[in-house]
Amino acid sequence: MRNEDNMTNFIPSVDMILPKTNKDIYFLFYNDELLVKSENNKAIIPTICDLENLELINTQYLGSMDGQNCFCGELNSDAFIQNDMYFSKLKALTHQLSKDMFWISGRAIQIVNWNNDHKYCGRCGTLAQSVDGERAKRCPKCSLVNYPRISPAIIVAVVRDGKLLLAHNNQSAKELYSVVAGFVEVGETFEECVVREVQEETGITVKNIKYFGNQPWPFPNSLMIGFTAEYASGEIQVDGKEIGDANWYSSNEMPLTPDSISIAKKLISWFAENY
């Protein structure tokens, strides 16, 4: 996986980089849904000109992209939007937004949710204050500082005799299978997490763990670290709770797998190209 696959021309900043113009774009949310404008069967992020007479709430500066300032914020439930605009869950826009706008949208929703979830100090309950020049909130009473939280998670393609381990998560569509993934626990290395998650979800052990790539994944606030690994021992035994089924698949007998810009798709494509 090339690192460039995840890179954009976006320049992140807390303080405004460019003067405000009517081309500034706004990533606005209501109930975790993003406001987008429909144009030629694609979704685009509205500019300030599209948002006349709308009351924007909790706006924050994100940075700049190709000479345009980027902001995030929220709208009220009674906001009246134009007929060519609509709200959508971000995951539903993976093929509608440009890649650059999708990844910036991922930043935006995490910052909006962080702002709402950390209005008050988690230690003493005092109203927190934004820190100048930083994406942070400080408690004026006990000085606790909070930054946006990122949850690291591993995702791994396990190969055995030219076949790929795929599992069905019971929270996914019934026919959808993907590679094993899971969140890193406190005090755990990425490699230790790979071993534990594969064993917990499928009952097998792995070896020869190799780094593949990484990807921000804002569902809700993950950083996905991808690996490849080889089968070492054991037989498949799923827990029946989180994972309903798992099996080995050759590249010409794949079940339905993720069709998105996710690293899961990249791992599965890597397997199909090499086995």
Protein backbone atom coordinates (compact mmCIF):
# COMPACT_ATOMS: atom_id res chain seq x y z
CA MET A 1 0.00 0.00 0.00
CA ARG A 2 1.42 3.40 -0.94
CA ASN A 3 1.33 6.09 1.75
CA GLU A 4 0.27 8.56 -0.94
CA ASP A 5 -3.11 6.80 -1.15
CA ASN A 6 -4.13 8.55 2.07
CA MET A 7 -2.52 11.94 1.41
CA THR A 8 -4.20 15.15 0.26
CA ASN A 9 -3.16 18.74 -0.35
CA PHE A 10 -4.98 19.69 2.84
CA ILE A 11 -3.03 21.90 5.28
CA PRO A 12 -4.42 21.48 8.81
CA SER A 13 -4.45 24.45 11.14
CA VAL A 14 -6.26 25.81 14.18
CA ASP A 15 -5.60 29.42 13.18
CA MET A 16 -6.83 30.75 9.84
CA ILE A 17 -4.23 30.44 7.08
CA LEU A 18 -5.94 32.47 4.33
CA PRO A 19 -8.23 35.51 4.30
CA LYS A 20 -11.94 34.64 4.27
CA THR A 21 -13.58 34.55 0.82
CA ASN A 22 -16.92 33.50 -0.66
CA LYS A 23 -15.23 30.26 -1.77
CA ASP A 24 -14.62 29.04 1.80
CA ILE A 25 -16.15 25.59 2.32
CA TYR A 26 -18.08 24.38 5.36
CA PHE A 27 -18.43 20.82 6.67
CA LEU A 28 -21.70 21.14 8.60
CA PHE A 29 -23.40 18.38 10.56
CA TYR A 30 -26.72 17.63 12.18
CA ASN A 31 -27.14 14.37 14.13
CA ASP A 32 -23.83 13.09 12.70
CA GLU A 33 -25.03 13.66 9.13
CA LEU A 34 -23.08 15.87 6.74
CA LEU A 35 -24.70 18.61 4.68
CA VAL A 36 -23.76 18.23 1.01
CA LYS A 37 -24.83 19.77 -2.26
CA SER A 38 -25.91 17.61 -5.19
CA GLU A 39 -24.17 18.45 -8.45
CA ASN A 40 -24.04 16.21 -11.55
CA ASN A 41 -24.92 13.12 -9.48
CA LYS A 42 -22.03 13.81 -7.13
CA ALA A 43 -21.87 15.31 -3.67
CA ILE A 44 -19.85 18.46 -3.04
CA ILE A 45 -19.20 20.41 0.13
CA PRO A 46 -21.13 23.73 0.16
CA THR A 47 -19.36 27.10 0.18
CA ILE A 48 -20.36 30.00 2.37
CA CYS A 49 -22.36 31.37 -0.58
CA ASP A 50 -24.64 28.31 -0.41
CA LEU A 51 -25.34 28.90 3.27
CA GLU A 52 -26.96 32.34 3.26
CA ASN A 53 -29.53 32.87 6.04
CA LEU A 54 -28.40 29.72 7.88
CA GLU A 55 -27.29 29.95 11.51
CA LEU A 56 -24.00 28.10 11.87
CA ILE A 57 -23.19 26.68 15.32
CA ASN A 58 -19.86 25.86 16.96
CA THR A 59 -17.82 26.59 13.86
CA GLN A 60 -14.11 25.80 13.97
CA TYR A 61 -11.34 26.33 11.50
CA LEU A 62 -9.93 23.12 9.98
CA GLY A 63 -7.26 24.34 7.56
CA SER A 64 -6.99 25.00 3.84
CA MET A 65 -7.34 22.91 0.70
CA ASP A 66 -6.16 24.16 -2.69
CA GLY A 67 -6.49 27.80 -1.66
CA GLN A 68 -9.85 27.44 0.08
CA ASN A 69 -10.42 27.79 3.81
CA CYS A 70 -12.19 24.83 5.41
CA PHE A 71 -14.46 25.12 8.43
CA CYS A 72 -16.55 22.63 10.37
CA GLY A 73 -19.63 23.17 12.51
CA GLU A 74 -23.26 22.30 13.05
CA LEU A 75 -26.75 23.37 12.04
CA ASN A 76 -29.97 23.59 14.04
CA SER A 77 -32.77 21.07 13.50
CA ASP A 78 -34.97 23.81 12.03
CA ALA A 79 -32.40 24.97 9.47
CA PHE A 80 -33.99 25.54 6.05
CA ILE A 81 -31.66 24.21 3.37
CA GLN A 82 -31.83 24.60 -0.40
CA ASN A 83 -33.54 21.96 -2.54
CA ASP A 84 -30.21 20.87 -4.05
CA MET A 85 -28.71 20.12 -0.61
CA TYR A 86 -29.27 17.22 1.76
CA PHE A 87 -27.90 15.51 4.87
CA SER A 88 -26.19 12.13 4.65
CA LYS A 89 -24.24 9.74 6.83
CA LEU A 90 -20.59 10.08 5.95
CA LYS A 91 -20.09 6.39 5.18
CA ALA A 92 -22.78 6.62 2.48
CA LEU A 93 -20.71 9.28 0.70
CA THR A 94 -17.55 7.23 0.10
CA HIS A 95 -18.22 7.13 -3.65
CA GLN A 96 -20.09 10.44 -3.88
CA LEU A 97 -17.50 12.80 -2.44
CA SER A 98 -14.05 13.21 -3.92
CA LYS A 99 -11.40 11.34 -1.91
CA ASP A 100 -9.91 14.59 -0.62
CA MET A 101 -13.28 15.85 0.58
CA PHE A 102 -14.14 12.51 2.16
CA TRP A 103 -10.97 12.47 4.27
CA ILE A 104 -11.41 16.10 5.32
CA SER A 105 -15.03 15.29 6.20
CA GLY A 106 -13.67 12.53 8.43
CA ARG A 107 -11.52 15.09 10.25
CA ALA A 108 -14.47 17.44 10.51
CA ILE A 109 -16.94 15.04 12.10
CA GLN A 110 -14.37 13.93 14.67
CA ILE A 111 -13.59 17.53 15.65
CA VAL A 112 -17.30 18.42 15.86
CA ASN A 113 -18.01 15.41 18.08
CA TRP A 114 -14.91 16.04 20.21
CA ASN A 115 -16.04 19.61 20.76
CA ASN A 116 -19.47 18.43 21.94
CA ASP A 117 -18.15 15.56 24.07
CA HIS A 118 -15.61 17.69 25.94
CA LYS A 119 -17.56 20.83 26.77
CA TYR A 120 -16.99 20.11 30.45
CA CYS A 121 -13.92 18.91 32.30
CA GLY A 122 -14.03 15.15 32.78
CA ARG A 123 -12.26 15.48 36.12
CA CYS A 124 -14.18 18.24 37.93
CA GLY A 125 -17.10 19.16 35.65
CA THR A 126 -16.08 22.78 35.04
CA LEU A 127 -16.88 24.35 31.66
CA ALA A 128 -13.74 23.84 29.54
CA GLN A 129 -12.08 26.56 27.49
CA SER A 130 -10.46 26.32 24.07
CA VAL A 131 -6.68 26.69 24.04
CA ASP A 132 -5.31 29.38 21.74
CA GLY A 133 -3.25 27.98 18.90
CA GLU A 134 -4.04 24.33 19.73
CA ARG A 135 -6.80 21.83 19.08
CA ALA A 136 -7.31 21.41 22.81
CA LYS A 137 -9.58 22.26 25.74
CA ARG A 138 -8.28 23.25 29.16
CA CYS A 139 -10.16 23.28 32.44
CA PRO A 140 -9.78 26.74 34.08
CA LYS A 141 -10.22 25.15 37.53
CA CYS A 142 -7.99 22.04 37.62
CA SER A 143 -5.95 22.64 34.40
CA LEU A 144 -6.82 19.27 32.82
CA VAL A 145 -6.17 19.45 29.07
CA ASN A 146 -8.06 17.33 26.55
CA TYR A 147 -7.13 16.74 22.91
CA PRO A 148 -9.18 15.02 20.19
CA ARG A 149 -9.14 11.28 20.85
CA ILE A 150 -7.93 8.76 18.26
CA SER A 151 -8.56 5.03 18.74
CA PRO A 152 -5.89 2.81 17.12
CA ALA A 153 -7.12 -0.45 15.62
CA ILE A 154 -5.46 -3.24 13.67
CA ILE A 155 -6.76 -4.89 10.52
CA VAL A 156 -5.03 -7.96 9.10
CA ALA A 157 -5.04 -10.19 6.04
CA VAL A 158 -4.20 -13.74 7.19
CA VAL A 159 -3.08 -16.15 4.45
CA ARG A 160 -2.92 -19.96 4.52
CA ASP A 161 -1.88 -22.06 1.52
CA GLY A 162 -2.99 -19.41 -0.96
CA LYS A 163 -6.28 -18.70 0.78
CA LEU A 164 -7.43 -15.63 2.73
CA LEU A 165 -9.16 -15.67 6.10
CA LEU A 166 -12.47 -13.80 5.89
CA ALA A 167 -15.04 -13.41 8.64
CA HIS A 168 -18.62 -12.21 8.91
CA ASN A 169 -19.28 -9.68 11.66
CA ASN A 170 -22.81 -10.04 13.01
CA GLN A 171 -23.26 -6.27 12.90
CA SER A 172 -22.65 -6.19 9.14
CA ALA A 173 -24.95 -7.12 6.29
CA LYS A 174 -25.64 -10.87 6.33
CA GLU A 175 -23.67 -11.68 3.18
CA LEU A 176 -20.69 -9.35 3.79
CA TYR A 177 -17.29 -10.79 4.78
CA SER A 178 -14.05 -8.97 5.55
CA VAL A 179 -10.61 -9.39 7.09
CA VAL A 180 -10.16 -9.48 10.86
CA ALA A 181 -9.97 -6.17 12.73
CA GLY A 182 -10.11 -4.92 16.29
CA PHE A 183 -9.12 -2.12 18.66
CA VAL A 184 -5.75 -2.01 20.40
CA GLU A 185 -5.95 -2.46 24.16
CA VAL A 186 -4.04 -0.50 26.80
CA GLY A 187 -0.38 -1.55 26.99
CA GLU A 188 -0.56 -3.62 23.82
CA THR A 189 1.68 -3.41 20.74
CA PHE A 190 0.12 -3.56 17.28
CA GLU A 191 1.59 -7.01 16.69
CA GLU A 192 0.26 -8.29 20.02
CA CYS A 193 -3.14 -6.94 19.07
CA VAL A 194 -3.01 -8.79 15.73
CA VAL A 195 -2.30 -12.08 17.50
CA ARG A 196 -5.01 -11.54 20.13
CA GLU A 197 -7.75 -10.35 17.78
CA VAL A 198 -7.26 -13.17 15.27
CA GLN A 199 -7.24 -15.75 18.06
CA GLU A 200 -10.29 -14.26 19.81
CA GLU A 201 -12.36 -13.92 16.64
CA THR A 202 -11.39 -17.09 14.77
CA GLY A 203 -9.50 -19.37 17.17
CA ILE A 204 -6.30 -19.58 15.10
CA THR A 205 -2.76 -18.30 15.70
CA VAL A 206 -0.62 -16.37 13.24
CA LYS A 207 3.06 -15.71 12.48
CA ASN A 208 5.25 -13.53 10.24
CA ILE A 209 3.25 -10.38 10.92
CA LYS A 210 4.21 -7.58 8.51
CA TYR A 211 3.15 -3.95 8.32
CA PHE A 212 0.97 -3.09 5.30
CA GLY A 213 -0.24 0.48 5.67
CA ASN A 214 -2.49 2.75 7.69
CA GLN A 215 -5.60 4.83 7.23
CA PRO A 216 -7.73 7.23 9.27
CA TRP A 217 -11.23 5.84 9.58
CA PRO A 218 -13.77 8.18 11.21
CA PHE A 219 -16.30 5.51 12.26
CA PRO A 220 -16.17 6.75 14.91
CA ASN A 221 -12.55 7.92 15.47
CA SER A 222 -10.21 5.12 14.44
CA LEU A 223 -6.74 4.97 12.99
CA MET A 224 -6.58 1.64 11.16
CA ILE A 225 -3.13 0.02 11.03
CA GLY A 226 -3.01 -2.72 8.41
CA PHE A 227 -0.93 -5.90 8.52
CA THR A 228 -0.46 -9.15 6.66
CA ALA A 229 0.21 -12.42 8.49
CA GLU A 230 0.58 -16.14 7.87
CA TYR A 231 -1.41 -18.95 9.45
CA ALA A 232 0.50 -20.73 12.22
CA SER A 233 -1.87 -23.23 13.87
CA GLY A 234 -5.39 -24.02 15.01
CA GLU A 235 -8.80 -24.56 13.49
CA ILE A 236 -11.45 -21.92 12.93
CA GLN A 237 -13.78 -21.49 15.90
CA VAL A 238 -15.87 -18.31 15.98
CA ASP A 239 -17.46 -16.95 19.14
CA GLY A 240 -20.94 -16.67 17.60
CA LYS A 241 -21.46 -13.27 19.20
CA GLU A 242 -19.28 -10.75 17.37
CA ILE A 243 -18.27 -13.10 14.56
CA GLY A 244 -20.92 -15.39 13.09
CA ASP A 245 -18.81 -17.23 10.52
CA ALA A 246 -15.27 -17.39 9.14
CA ASN A 247 -13.52 -19.41 6.46
CA TRP A 248 -10.61 -19.58 4.05
CA TYR A 249 -11.20 -18.28 0.50
CA SER A 250 -9.13 -18.38 -2.66
CA SER A 251 -9.04 -15.31 -4.89
CA ASN A 252 -11.49 -16.87 -7.38
CA GLU A 253 -14.15 -17.85 -4.84
CA MET A 254 -14.55 -14.70 -2.77
CA PRO A 255 -17.82 -13.92 -0.99
CA LEU A 256 -19.15 -10.35 -0.93
CA THR A 257 -16.42 -8.08 0.50
CA PRO A 258 -16.21 -4.33 1.24
CA ASP A 259 -16.44 -2.11 -1.83
CA SER A 260 -15.09 1.19 -0.59
CA ILE A 261 -11.94 3.23 -0.12
CA SER A 262 -11.26 1.40 3.14
CA ILE A 263 -7.99 -0.32 3.98
CA ALA A 264 -9.99 -3.56 4.25
CA LYS A 265 -10.62 -3.33 0.51
CA LYS A 266 -6.93 -2.60 -0.11
CA LEU A 267 -5.85 -5.66 1.90
CA ILE A 268 -8.25 -7.93 0.04
CA SER A 269 -7.12 -6.49 -3.31
CA TRP A 270 -3.49 -7.08 -2.29
CA PHE A 271 -4.31 -10.74 -1.66
CA ALA A 272 -6.15 -11.12 -4.98
CA GLU A 273 -3.21 -9.64 -6.87
CA ASN A 274 -0.61 -11.85 -5.20
CA TYR A 275 -2.32 -15.24 -4.77
